[in-house]
């Protein structure tokens, strides 16, 4: 089972960001996914972490699927480092997402 090290981002937050970027509210699940991917890409670009992060779906302990901006992965085929990056690399994203703690490891969905 692959694991990802990063920050969980609420789907609602990503949707709101996408709408603020000028995208119309989604009419289909495909529209929703497109908006989420674009909004996540935007926040990754804005915080300077785009080139060394990826948006992945992960599961919490209860099995619910969530979105994660990942800095590392337990699977080297993911194209991410296999260990956590220095904290300085995640600080801008942490601030933008209004998180209080460091990134964490999550099980891939």
Protein backbone atom coordinates (compact mmCIF):
# COMPACT_ATOMS: atom_id res chain seq x y z
CA UNK A 1 0.00 0.00 0.00
CA UNK A 2 1.45 3.32 -1.07
CA UNK A 3 1.57 6.18 1.43
CA UNK A 4 1.80 9.91 0.76
CA UNK A 5 3.32 12.61 2.94
CA UNK A 6 1.48 15.91 2.66
CA UNK A 7 -1.42 18.09 3.64
CA UNK A 8 -5.09 17.15 3.34
CA UNK A 9 -7.05 19.78 1.44
CA UNK A 10 -10.83 19.92 1.83
CA UNK A 11 -12.75 19.38 -1.37
CA UNK A 12 -14.98 22.32 -0.46
CA UNK A 13 -11.93 24.60 -0.09
CA UNK A 14 -10.60 23.55 -3.49
CA UNK A 15 -14.04 24.01 -5.09
CA UNK A 16 -14.40 27.49 -3.59
CA UNK A 17 -10.91 28.43 -4.79
CA UNK A 18 -11.77 27.21 -8.28
CA UNK A 19 -14.96 29.26 -8.35
CA UNK A 20 -13.01 32.32 -7.13
CA UNK A 21 -10.63 31.69 -10.06
CA UNK A 22 -13.60 32.16 -12.39
CA UNK A 23 -14.73 28.60 -13.04
CA UNK A 24 -18.49 28.05 -13.05
CA UNK A 25 -19.98 25.77 -10.41
CA UNK A 26 -19.67 22.12 -11.49
CA UNK A 27 -22.59 20.36 -13.12
CA UNK A 28 -21.03 16.90 -13.24
CA UNK A 29 -18.49 14.92 -11.23
CA UNK A 30 -16.04 15.41 -14.11
CA UNK A 31 -16.49 19.19 -13.83
CA UNK A 32 -15.86 18.97 -10.08
CA UNK A 33 -12.67 16.97 -10.57
CA UNK A 34 -11.41 19.41 -13.22
CA UNK A 35 -11.99 22.38 -10.90
CA UNK A 36 -10.27 20.62 -8.00
CA UNK A 37 -7.20 19.76 -10.09
CA UNK A 38 -6.96 23.34 -11.42
CA UNK A 39 -7.43 24.89 -7.97
CA UNK A 40 -4.84 22.59 -6.41
CA UNK A 41 -2.41 23.43 -9.21
CA UNK A 42 -3.02 27.11 -8.61
CA UNK A 43 -2.28 26.94 -4.87
CA UNK A 44 0.79 24.79 -5.56
CA UNK A 45 2.08 27.38 -8.06
CA UNK A 46 1.26 30.29 -5.77
CA UNK A 47 3.16 28.76 -2.85
CA UNK A 48 6.15 27.66 -4.93
CA UNK A 49 5.73 23.92 -4.34
CA UNK A 50 4.32 22.90 -7.74
CA UNK A 51 7.41 21.26 -9.16
CA UNK A 52 7.98 18.95 -6.19
CA UNK A 53 4.42 18.08 -5.14
CA UNK A 54 1.53 16.13 -6.61
CA UNK A 55 -2.19 16.04 -5.93
CA UNK A 56 -3.20 12.58 -4.79
CA UNK A 57 -6.27 10.98 -3.30
CA UNK A 58 -5.71 9.37 0.08
CA UNK A 59 -7.79 7.73 2.79
CA UNK A 60 -8.21 8.69 6.40
CA UNK A 61 -8.35 6.07 9.17
CA UNK A 62 -12.07 5.59 8.61
CA UNK A 63 -11.56 4.89 4.89
CA UNK A 64 -12.93 8.21 3.60
CA UNK A 65 -11.21 9.43 0.43
CA UNK A 66 -9.63 12.89 0.70
CA UNK A 67 -7.40 15.11 -1.43
CA UNK A 68 -3.74 15.48 -0.45
CA UNK A 69 -1.00 17.73 -1.77
CA UNK A 70 1.88 15.30 -1.40
CA UNK A 71 5.57 16.08 -0.93
CA UNK A 72 6.74 12.46 -0.69
CA UNK A 73 5.58 8.92 -1.34
CA UNK A 74 6.54 5.46 -0.12
CA UNK A 75 6.52 4.36 -3.79
CA UNK A 76 9.47 5.67 -5.84
CA UNK A 77 7.42 5.18 -9.05
CA UNK A 78 5.23 8.11 -7.99
CA UNK A 79 8.02 10.52 -8.97
CA UNK A 80 8.19 12.02 -5.48
CA UNK A 81 10.93 11.70 -2.85
CA UNK A 82 10.55 8.71 -0.53
CA UNK A 83 11.27 10.74 2.59
CA UNK A 84 9.86 13.92 4.07
CA UNK A 85 11.37 17.17 2.75
CA UNK A 86 12.83 19.88 4.98
CA UNK A 87 10.12 21.81 6.80
CA UNK A 88 11.11 24.98 4.97
CA UNK A 89 9.75 23.52 1.72
CA UNK A 90 6.27 23.02 3.15
CA UNK A 91 5.90 26.28 5.12
CA UNK A 92 4.35 28.38 2.33
CA UNK A 93 1.75 25.72 1.55
CA UNK A 94 1.09 25.22 5.27
CA UNK A 95 0.37 28.93 5.59
CA UNK A 96 -1.86 29.09 2.50
CA UNK A 97 -3.91 26.11 3.70
CA UNK A 98 -4.01 27.54 7.24
CA UNK A 99 -2.63 24.34 8.75
CA UNK A 100 -1.11 24.33 12.23
CA UNK A 101 1.06 21.22 12.17
CA UNK A 102 3.54 19.57 9.86
CA UNK A 103 2.48 17.41 6.89
CA UNK A 104 1.60 13.79 7.72
CA UNK A 105 1.65 10.37 6.09
CA UNK A 106 -1.62 9.09 4.61
CA UNK A 107 -2.58 5.83 2.95
CA UNK A 108 -3.22 6.12 -0.78
CA UNK A 109 -6.78 5.56 -1.93
